[in-house]
Amino acid sequence: MAATFTEVSLEDMEKFLKRAFRSLHPKQGSSRNEYYYDLKLGPAVDIRVWSSVTVRSGMGAEVGSDAIRIQFLSSKDGRPLEKGKAPIVKRTQGWRTSLQDRVEDLIEKYESNDTFWEDWASTRRVRRDEPVVEQPATPPPLKLDWSQAEKEDAEPKVFTPGPNDATEKQVGFAEKLLRGLSNNGWHEYGLDRITGLNTVPGRDDLARISKRNISQVIDIMVKAKGWGGGGGGGRRYSAAELAEVLLDLPRK
């Protein structure tokens, strides 16, 4: 039997979610003229169900124009925890079963590694037992916020690195290279994916990045600014200086 379109009202959606997932405390909200429900998995992790019901009309979107969508979400910053398009549930006669399957899949994914997902949702910091995301092959043009670069240097803070943390020399080197970089530039270079940090880090956060990851950050920024021995304007660092800070990256 072919699947046929079924109108899903806000009442239908709320009744189903509160019966099927009462323990996750479904909470209604709205954004971009669409109602959604957040299901609480943990302190910083939610499952968001976009209902496809518009706020203005209170009715579901027209046939073929939208679908019910499911997202793994951080309740700290309201951003998805996974890249790509959100999984969908078609509005057909079997939508309740399909939606329940989708939600239960995300519950199982969360419960299989809840500590990782909570860390990621809270700080956007990749745990060190997770795969390292490789750096982009060619950095985009550098964009600097010179108002930040002109501020006086803060008094250096003393820290004691762990065996896998960045060295003090790496931290100081990275701090100089990142001076003036905007948060948009941080994302354009893919440094957020390498470090798990959503914004340009200060000295304390730099000190907690692994040696390998901070080596990648330094390598990208040296190439972007043309401050390495391979060319570009401005100051160049010697091969010896780079060897001290790029501890885990082979130099060509």
C-alpha atoms as a PDB file:
ATOM      1  CA  MET A   1       0.000   0.000   0.000  1.00  0.00           C
ATOM      2  CA  ALA A   2       1.460   3.370  -1.075  1.00  0.00           C
ATOM      3  CA  ALA A   3       2.167   5.914   1.625  1.00  0.00           C
ATOM      4  CA  THR A   4      -0.239   8.838   1.639  1.00  0.00           C
ATOM      5  CA  PHE A   5       0.160  12.328   3.071  1.00  0.00           C
ATOM      6  CA  THR A   6      -1.243  12.834   6.566  1.00  0.00           C
ATOM      7  CA  GLU A   7      -1.847  16.215   8.203  1.00  0.00           C
ATOM      8  CA  VAL A   8       0.080  16.381  11.503  1.00  0.00           C
ATOM      9  CA  SER A   9      -1.334  19.017  13.828  1.00  0.00           C
ATOM     10  CA  LEU A  10       0.477  20.581  16.767  1.00  0.00           C
ATOM     11  CA  GLU A  11      -1.947  18.764  19.078  1.00  0.00           C
ATOM     12  CA  ASP A  12      -1.106  15.421  17.431  1.00  0.00           C
ATOM     13  CA  MET A  13       2.618  16.052  17.790  1.00  0.00           C
ATOM     14  CA  GLU A  14       2.450  17.165  21.420  1.00  0.00           C
ATOM     15  CA  LYS A  15       0.187  14.310  22.461  1.00  0.00           C
ATOM     16  CA  PHE A  16       2.455  11.727  20.842  1.00  0.00           C
ATOM     17  CA  LEU A  17       5.729  13.087  22.259  1.00  0.00           C
ATOM     18  CA  LYS A  18       4.364  13.454  25.786  1.00  0.00           C
ATOM     19  CA  ARG A  19       3.058   9.890  25.748  1.00  0.00           C
ATOM     20  CA  ALA A  20       6.051   8.251  24.058  1.00  0.00           C
ATOM     21  CA  PHE A  21       8.843  10.280  25.718  1.00  0.00           C
ATOM     22  CA  ARG A  22       7.319  11.666  28.898  1.00  0.00           C
ATOM     23  CA  SER A  23      10.540  11.022  30.849  1.00  0.00           C
ATOM     24  CA  LEU A  24      12.430  13.376  28.485  1.00  0.00           C
ATOM     25  CA  HIS A  25      10.094  16.269  29.401  1.00  0.00           C
ATOM     26  CA  PRO A  26       9.123  17.541  25.925  1.00  0.00           C
ATOM     27  CA  LYS A  27       9.186  21.356  25.884  1.00  0.00           C
ATOM     28  CA  GLN A  28       7.592  23.442  23.139  1.00  0.00           C
ATOM     29  CA  GLY A  29       9.324  26.378  21.476  1.00  0.00           C
ATOM     30  CA  SER A  30       9.316  28.157  18.130  1.00  0.00           C
ATOM     31  CA  SER A  31      11.846  29.540  15.685  1.00  0.00           C
ATOM     32  CA  ARG A  32      11.698  30.764  12.075  1.00  0.00           C
ATOM     33  CA  ASN A  33       7.894  30.507  12.116  1.00  0.00           C
ATOM     34  CA  GLU A  34       7.929  26.816  13.087  1.00  0.00           C
ATOM     35  CA  TYR A  35       7.065  25.037  16.330  1.00  0.00           C
ATOM     36  CA  TYR A  36       9.562  22.572  17.772  1.00  0.00           C
ATOM     37  CA  TYR A  37       9.835  20.320  20.842  1.00  0.00           C
ATOM     38  CA  ASP A  38      13.038  19.768  22.810  1.00  0.00           C
ATOM     39  CA  LEU A  39      13.533  16.425  24.583  1.00  0.00           C
ATOM     40  CA  LYS A  40      16.074  16.610  27.431  1.00  0.00           C
ATOM     41  CA  LEU A  41      18.731  13.856  27.269  1.00  0.00           C
ATOM     42  CA  GLY A  42      21.267  15.322  29.699  1.00  0.00           C
ATOM     43  CA  PRO A  43      22.518  18.573  31.244  1.00  0.00           C
ATOM     44  CA  ALA A  44      23.669  20.007  27.892  1.00  0.00           C
ATOM     45  CA  VAL A  45      22.172  17.690  25.245  1.00  0.00           C
ATOM     46  CA  ASP A  46      18.670  17.799  23.756  1.00  0.00           C
ATOM     47  CA  ILE A  47      16.870  16.171  20.868  1.00  0.00           C
ATOM     48  CA  ARG A  48      14.948  18.780  18.885  1.00  0.00           C
ATOM     49  CA  VAL A  49      11.900  17.715  16.888  1.00  0.00           C
ATOM     50  CA  TRP A  50      10.857  20.300  14.301  1.00  0.00           C
ATOM     51  CA  SER A  51       7.114  19.797  13.938  1.00  0.00           C
ATOM     52  CA  SER A  52       6.640  21.366  10.442  1.00  0.00           C
ATOM     53  CA  VAL A  53       3.677  23.239  12.001  1.00  0.00           C
ATOM     54  CA  THR A  54       3.861  26.983  11.285  1.00  0.00           C
ATOM     55  CA  VAL A  55       3.372  29.530  14.064  1.00  0.00           C
ATOM     56  CA  ARG A  56       1.289  31.918  11.950  1.00  0.00           C
ATOM     57  CA  SER A  57      -1.299  29.399  10.797  1.00  0.00           C
ATOM     58  CA  GLY A  58      -0.986  26.667  13.438  1.00  0.00           C
ATOM     59  CA  MET A  59      -1.186  24.176  10.579  1.00  0.00           C
ATOM     60  CA  GLY A  60       1.368  21.829   9.038  1.00  0.00           C
ATOM     61  CA  ALA A  61       3.311  22.888   5.943  1.00  0.00           C
ATOM     62  CA  GLU A  62       1.811  22.074   2.565  1.00  0.00           C
ATOM     63  CA  VAL A  63       2.422  18.749   0.864  1.00  0.00           C
ATOM     64  CA  GLY A  64       6.019  18.457  -0.375  1.00  0.00           C
ATOM     65  CA  SER A  65       7.155  21.743   1.185  1.00  0.00           C
ATOM     66  CA  ASP A  66       8.555  20.468   4.491  1.00  0.00           C
ATOM     67  CA  ALA A  67       8.868  17.431   6.768  1.00  0.00           C
ATOM     68  CA  ILE A  68       9.315  16.643  10.454  1.00  0.00           C
ATOM     69  CA  ARG A  69      13.043  16.917  11.233  1.00  0.00           C
ATOM     70  CA  ILE A  70      15.170  15.583  14.111  1.00  0.00           C
ATOM     71  CA  GLN A  71      18.367  17.155  15.485  1.00  0.00           C
ATOM     72  CA  PHE A  72      20.983  16.395  18.146  1.00  0.00           C
ATOM     73  CA  LEU A  73      21.326  19.787  19.857  1.00  0.00           C
ATOM     74  CA  SER A  74      23.421  21.588  22.472  1.00  0.00           C
ATOM     75  CA  SER A  75      21.176  23.334  24.976  1.00  0.00           C
ATOM     76  CA  LYS A  76      24.162  25.597  25.826  1.00  0.00           C
ATOM     77  CA  ASP A  77      24.408  27.375  22.476  1.00  0.00           C
ATOM     78  CA  GLY A  78      21.385  26.054  20.551  1.00  0.00           C
ATOM     79  CA  ARG A  79      23.567  24.614  17.784  1.00  0.00           C
ATOM     80  CA  PRO A  80      23.428  21.112  16.242  1.00  0.00           C
ATOM     81  CA  LEU A  81      26.009  18.621  17.515  1.00  0.00           C
ATOM     82  CA  GLU A  82      26.310  16.881  14.152  1.00  0.00           C
ATOM     83  CA  LYS A  83      26.976  18.324  10.707  1.00  0.00           C
ATOM     84  CA  GLY A  84      24.804  17.797   7.677  1.00  0.00           C
ATOM     85  CA  LYS A  85      21.086  17.862   7.087  1.00  0.00           C
ATOM     86  CA  ALA A  86      18.780  16.849   9.912  1.00  0.00           C
ATOM     87  CA  PRO A  87      17.137  13.413   9.475  1.00  0.00           C
ATOM     88  CA  ILE A  88      13.527  13.710   8.337  1.00  0.00           C
ATOM     89  CA  VAL A  89      10.259  11.928   9.047  1.00  0.00           C
ATOM     90  CA  LYS A  90       7.742  12.045   6.215  1.00  0.00           C
ATOM     91  CA  ARG A  91       4.202  13.035   7.122  1.00  0.00           C
ATOM     92  CA  THR A  92       2.482   9.831   6.143  1.00  0.00           C
ATOM     93  CA  GLN A  93       0.182   7.497   8.030  1.00  0.00           C
ATOM     94  CA  GLY A  94       3.199   5.871   9.752  1.00  0.00           C
ATOM     95  CA  TRP A  95       4.820   9.108  10.975  1.00  0.00           C
ATOM     96  CA  ARG A  96       4.531   8.195  14.687  1.00  0.00           C
ATOM     97  CA  THR A  97       6.480   4.939  14.269  1.00  0.00           C
ATOM     98  CA  SER A  98       9.117   6.599  12.094  1.00  0.00           C
ATOM     99  CA  LEU A  99       9.515   9.498  14.527  1.00  0.00           C
ATOM    100  CA  GLN A 100       9.848   7.155  17.496  1.00  0.00           C
ATOM    101  CA  ASP A 101      12.549   5.171  15.661  1.00  0.00           C
ATOM    102  CA  ARG A 102      14.501   8.348  14.853  1.00  0.00           C
ATOM    103  CA  VAL A 103      14.352   9.635  18.423  1.00  0.00           C
ATOM    104  CA  GLU A 104      15.339   6.245  19.879  1.00  0.00           C
ATOM    105  CA  ASP A 105      18.328   6.084  17.492  1.00  0.00           C
ATOM    106  CA  LEU A 106      19.619   9.377  18.940  1.00  0.00           C
ATOM    107  CA  ILE A 107      18.937   8.228  22.507  1.00  0.00           C
ATOM    108  CA  GLU A 108      21.052   5.108  21.872  1.00  0.00           C
ATOM    109  CA  LYS A 109      23.842   7.198  20.301  1.00  0.00           C
ATOM    110  CA  TYR A 110      23.881   9.507  23.331  1.00  0.00           C
ATOM    111  CA  GLU A 111      23.806   6.680  25.883  1.00  0.00           C
ATOM    112  CA  SER A 112      26.669   4.841  24.146  1.00  0.00           C
ATOM    113  CA  ASN A 113      29.048   7.790  24.857  1.00  0.00           C
ATOM    114  CA  ASP A 114      27.202  10.327  26.994  1.00  0.00           C
ATOM    115  CA  THR A 115      30.396  11.820  28.473  1.00  0.00           C
ATOM    116  CA  PHE A 116      31.704  12.743  25.026  1.00  0.00           C
ATOM    117  CA  TRP A 117      28.419  14.309  23.913  1.00  0.00           C
ATOM    118  CA  GLU A 118      28.095  16.326  27.128  1.00  0.00           C
ATOM    119  CA  ASP A 119      31.676  17.614  26.800  1.00  0.00           C
ATOM    120  CA  TRP A 120      31.112  18.496  23.148  1.00  0.00           C
ATOM    121  CA  ALA A 121      27.794  20.232  23.851  1.00  0.00           C
ATOM    122  CA  SER A 122      29.185  22.170  26.821  1.00  0.00           C
ATOM    123  CA  THR A 123      32.560  23.330  25.545  1.00  0.00           C
ATOM    124  CA  ARG A 124      32.852  22.250  21.899  1.00  0.00           C
ATOM    125  CA  ARG A 125      36.111  20.626  22.970  1.00  0.00           C
ATOM    126  CA  VAL A 126      36.938  17.313  21.293  1.00  0.00           C
ATOM    127  CA  ARG A 127      38.002  14.711  23.837  1.00  0.00           C
ATOM    128  CA  ARG A 128      41.471  13.352  23.238  1.00  0.00           C
ATOM    129  CA  ASP A 129      40.263   9.799  22.818  1.00  0.00           C
ATOM    130  CA  GLU A 130      38.306  10.907  19.733  1.00  0.00           C
ATOM    131  CA  PRO A 131      39.783  11.034  16.184  1.00  0.00           C
ATOM    132  CA  VAL A 132      41.654  14.244  15.353  1.00  0.00           C
ATOM    133  CA  VAL A 133      40.131  16.271  12.515  1.00  0.00           C
ATOM    134  CA  GLU A 134      42.848  17.038   9.991  1.00  0.00           C
ATOM    135  CA  GLN A 135      43.609  20.648   9.064  1.00  0.00           C
ATOM    136  CA  PRO A 136      42.433  22.188   5.765  1.00  0.00           C
ATOM    137  CA  ALA A 137      44.882  21.718   2.883  1.00  0.00           C
ATOM    138  CA  THR A 138      44.899  25.405   1.845  1.00  0.00           C
ATOM    139  CA  PRO A 139      44.007  28.118   4.396  1.00  0.00           C
ATOM    140  CA  PRO A 140      41.636  30.871   3.162  1.00  0.00           C
ATOM    141  CA  PRO A 141      42.839  34.512   3.101  1.00  0.00           C
ATOM    142  CA  LEU A 142      43.624  35.805   6.574  1.00  0.00           C
ATOM    143  CA  LYS A 143      41.070  38.147   8.179  1.00  0.00           C
ATOM    144  CA  LEU A 144      42.280  40.099  11.186  1.00  0.00           C
ATOM    145  CA  ASP A 145      40.541  42.267  13.731  1.00  0.00           C
ATOM    146  CA  TRP A 146      43.261  44.878  14.248  1.00  0.00           C
ATOM    147  CA  SER A 147      41.438  46.516  17.151  1.00  0.00           C
ATOM    148  CA  GLN A 148      42.175  43.365  19.130  1.00  0.00           C
ATOM    149  CA  ALA A 149      45.762  43.224  17.913  1.00  0.00           C
ATOM    150  CA  GLU A 150      46.463  46.710  19.197  1.00  0.00           C
ATOM    151  CA  LYS A 151      45.515  45.867  22.790  1.00  0.00           C
ATOM    152  CA  GLU A 152      48.366  45.562  25.254  1.00  0.00           C
ATOM    153  CA  ASP A 153      49.612  42.095  26.022  1.00  0.00           C
ATOM    154  CA  ALA A 154      48.195  40.585  29.190  1.00  0.00           C
ATOM    155  CA  GLU A 155      50.575  39.533  31.969  1.00  0.00           C
ATOM    156  CA  PRO A 156      51.667  35.944  31.191  1.00  0.00           C
ATOM    157  CA  LYS A 157      49.963  33.345  33.335  1.00  0.00           C
ATOM    158  CA  VAL A 158      51.886  30.467  34.848  1.00  0.00           C
ATOM    159  CA  PHE A 159      50.571  27.008  34.046  1.00  0.00           C
ATOM    160  CA  THR A 160      51.840  23.475  34.439  1.00  0.00           C
ATOM    161  CA  PRO A 161      51.194  21.420  31.293  1.00  0.00           C
ATOM    162  CA  GLY A 162      50.293  17.743  31.464  1.00  0.00           C
ATOM    163  CA  PRO A 163      52.177  15.145  29.395  1.00  0.00           C
ATOM    164  CA  ASN A 164      49.829  15.563  26.411  1.00  0.00           C
ATOM    165  CA  ASP A 165      49.135  19.288  26.756  1.00  0.00           C
ATOM    166  CA  ALA A 166      50.733  22.060  24.732  1.00  0.00           C
ATOM    167  CA  THR A 167      54.122  23.282  25.913  1.00  0.00           C
ATOM    168  CA  GLU A 168      54.597  26.800  27.272  1.00  0.00           C
ATOM    169  CA  LYS A 169      56.579  27.737  24.150  1.00  0.00           C
ATOM    170  CA  GLN A 170      53.773  26.463  21.911  1.00  0.00           C
ATOM    171  CA  VAL A 171      51.188  28.436  23.881  1.00  0.00           C
ATOM    172  CA  GLY A 172      53.181  31.670  23.652  1.00  0.00           C
ATOM    173  CA  PHE A 173      53.841  31.129  19.936  1.00  0.00           C
ATOM    174  CA  ALA A 174      50.170  30.389  19.180  1.00  0.00           C
ATOM    175  CA  GLU A 175      49.043  33.381  21.248  1.00  0.00           C
ATOM    176  CA  LYS A 176      51.138  35.721  19.064  1.00  0.00           C
ATOM    177  CA  LEU A 177      49.895  34.151  15.833  1.00  0.00           C
ATOM    178  CA  LEU A 178      46.222  34.366  16.872  1.00  0.00           C
ATOM    179  CA  ARG A 179      46.415  38.008  17.971  1.00  0.00           C
ATOM    180  CA  GLY A 180      43.857  39.964  15.960  1.00  0.00           C
ATOM    181  CA  LEU A 181      42.101  36.904  14.507  1.00  0.00           C
ATOM    182  CA  SER A 182      38.306  37.210  14.622  1.00  0.00           C
ATOM    183  CA  ASN A 183      35.954  34.382  15.590  1.00  0.00           C
ATOM    184  CA  ASN A 184      34.818  34.240  11.958  1.00  0.00           C
ATOM    185  CA  GLY A 185      38.422  33.766  10.867  1.00  0.00           C
ATOM    186  CA  TRP A 186      38.837  31.043  13.504  1.00  0.00           C
ATOM    187  CA  HIS A 187      35.985  29.121  11.862  1.00  0.00           C
ATOM    188  CA  GLU A 188      37.104  29.823   8.272  1.00  0.00           C
ATOM    189  CA  TYR A 189      40.477  28.240   8.969  1.00  0.00           C
ATOM    190  CA  GLY A 190      38.784  25.172  10.468  1.00  0.00           C
ATOM    191  CA  LEU A 191      40.540  25.739  13.792  1.00  0.00           C
ATOM    192  CA  ASP A 192      37.298  25.115  15.664  1.00  0.00           C
ATOM    193  CA  ARG A 193      37.195  21.580  14.239  1.00  0.00           C
ATOM    194  CA  ILE A 194      40.819  20.909  15.131  1.00  0.00           C
ATOM    195  CA  THR A 195      40.605  22.143  18.733  1.00  0.00           C
ATOM    196  CA  GLY A 196      36.922  21.691  19.564  1.00  0.00           C
ATOM    197  CA  LEU A 197      36.826  25.356  20.670  1.00  0.00           C
ATOM    198  CA  ASN A 198      34.064  27.531  19.219  1.00  0.00           C
ATOM    199  CA  THR A 199      35.824  30.896  19.625  1.00  0.00           C
ATOM    200  CA  VAL A 200      39.401  32.198  19.493  1.00  0.00           C
ATOM    201  CA  PRO A 201      40.924  30.825  22.731  1.00  0.00           C
ATOM    202  CA  GLY A 202      42.781  32.713  25.427  1.00  0.00           C
ATOM    203  CA  ARG A 203      46.014  31.558  27.028  1.00  0.00           C
ATOM    204  CA  ASP A 204      44.321  29.215  29.524  1.00  0.00           C
ATOM    205  CA  ASP A 205      42.414  27.350  26.797  1.00  0.00           C
ATOM    206  CA  LEU A 206      45.476  27.201  24.561  1.00  0.00           C
ATOM    207  CA  ALA A 207      47.375  25.564  27.415  1.00  0.00           C
ATOM    208  CA  ARG A 208      44.869  22.699  27.489  1.00  0.00           C
ATOM    209  CA  ILE A 209      45.036  21.867  23.782  1.00  0.00           C
ATOM    210  CA  SER A 210      47.034  18.754  22.911  1.00  0.00           C
ATOM    211  CA  LYS A 211      50.549  19.133  21.530  1.00  0.00           C
ATOM    212  CA  ARG A 212      49.519  17.746  18.156  1.00  0.00           C
ATOM    213  CA  ASN A 213      46.466  19.956  17.777  1.00  0.00           C
ATOM    214  CA  ILE A 214      48.250  23.157  18.772  1.00  0.00           C
ATOM    215  CA  SER A 215      51.005  22.202  16.318  1.00  0.00           C
ATOM    216  CA  GLN A 216      48.326  22.113  13.614  1.00  0.00           C
ATOM    217  CA  VAL A 217      46.967  25.506  14.706  1.00  0.00           C
ATOM    218  CA  ILE A 218      50.448  27.038  14.581  1.00  0.00           C
ATOM    219  CA  ASP A 219      51.194  25.483  11.190  1.00  0.00           C
ATOM    220  CA  ILE A 220      47.998  26.901   9.662  1.00  0.00           C
ATOM    221  CA  MET A 221      48.552  30.384  11.077  1.00  0.00           C
ATOM    222  CA  VAL A 222      52.253  30.525  10.115  1.00  0.00           C
ATOM    223  CA  LYS A 223      51.335  29.654   6.510  1.00  0.00           C
ATOM    224  CA  ALA A 224      48.385  32.058   6.483  1.00  0.00           C
ATOM    225  CA  LYS A 225      50.443  35.009   7.686  1.00  0.00           C
ATOM    226  CA  GLY A 226      53.460  34.184   5.559  1.00  0.00           C
ATOM    227  CA  TRP A 227      55.600  34.120   8.688  1.00  0.00           C
ATOM    228  CA  GLY A 228      57.307  30.820   7.983  1.00  0.00           C
ATOM    229  CA  GLY A 229      60.529  30.216   6.161  1.00  0.00           C
ATOM    230  CA  GLY A 230      58.678  29.280   2.962  1.00  0.00           C
ATOM    231  CA  GLY A 231      57.777  32.825   1.832  1.00  0.00           C
ATOM    232  CA  GLY A 232      55.282  35.631   2.295  1.00  0.00           C
ATOM    233  CA  GLY A 233      55.777  39.095   3.678  1.00  0.00           C
ATOM    234  CA  GLY A 234      56.607  40.214   7.169  1.00  0.00           C
ATOM    235  CA  ARG A 235      58.624  38.429   9.799  1.00  0.00           C
ATOM    236  CA  ARG A 236      59.833  34.883   9.137  1.00  0.00           C
ATOM    237  CA  TYR A 237      60.483  32.326  11.844  1.00  0.00           C
ATOM    238  CA  SER A 238      63.607  30.239  11.600  1.00  0.00           C
ATOM    239  CA  ALA A 239      63.497  26.507  11.002  1.00  0.00           C
ATOM    240  CA  ALA A 240      64.805  25.979  14.531  1.00  0.00           C
ATOM    241  CA  GLU A 241      61.983  28.052  16.041  1.00  0.00           C
ATOM    242  CA  LEU A 242      59.346  26.161  14.052  1.00  0.00           C
ATOM    243  CA  ALA A 243      60.835  22.794  14.969  1.00  0.00           C
ATOM    244  CA  GLU A 244      60.392  23.634  18.654  1.00  0.00           C
ATOM    245  CA  VAL A 245      56.677  24.363  18.363  1.00  0.00           C
ATOM    246  CA  LEU A 246      55.580  21.977  15.596  1.00  0.00           C
ATOM    247  CA  LEU A 247      56.368  18.995  17.775  1.00  0.00           C
ATOM    248  CA  ASP A 248      54.125  16.456  16.067  1.00  0.00           C
ATOM    249  CA  LEU A 249      54.217  17.691  12.479  1.00  0.00           C
ATOM    250  CA  PRO A 250      57.019  16.637  10.104  1.00  0.00           C
ATOM    251  CA  ARG A 251      58.664  19.656   8.461  1.00  0.00           C
ATOM    252  CA  LYS A 252      59.317  19.531   4.741  1.00  0.00           C
END
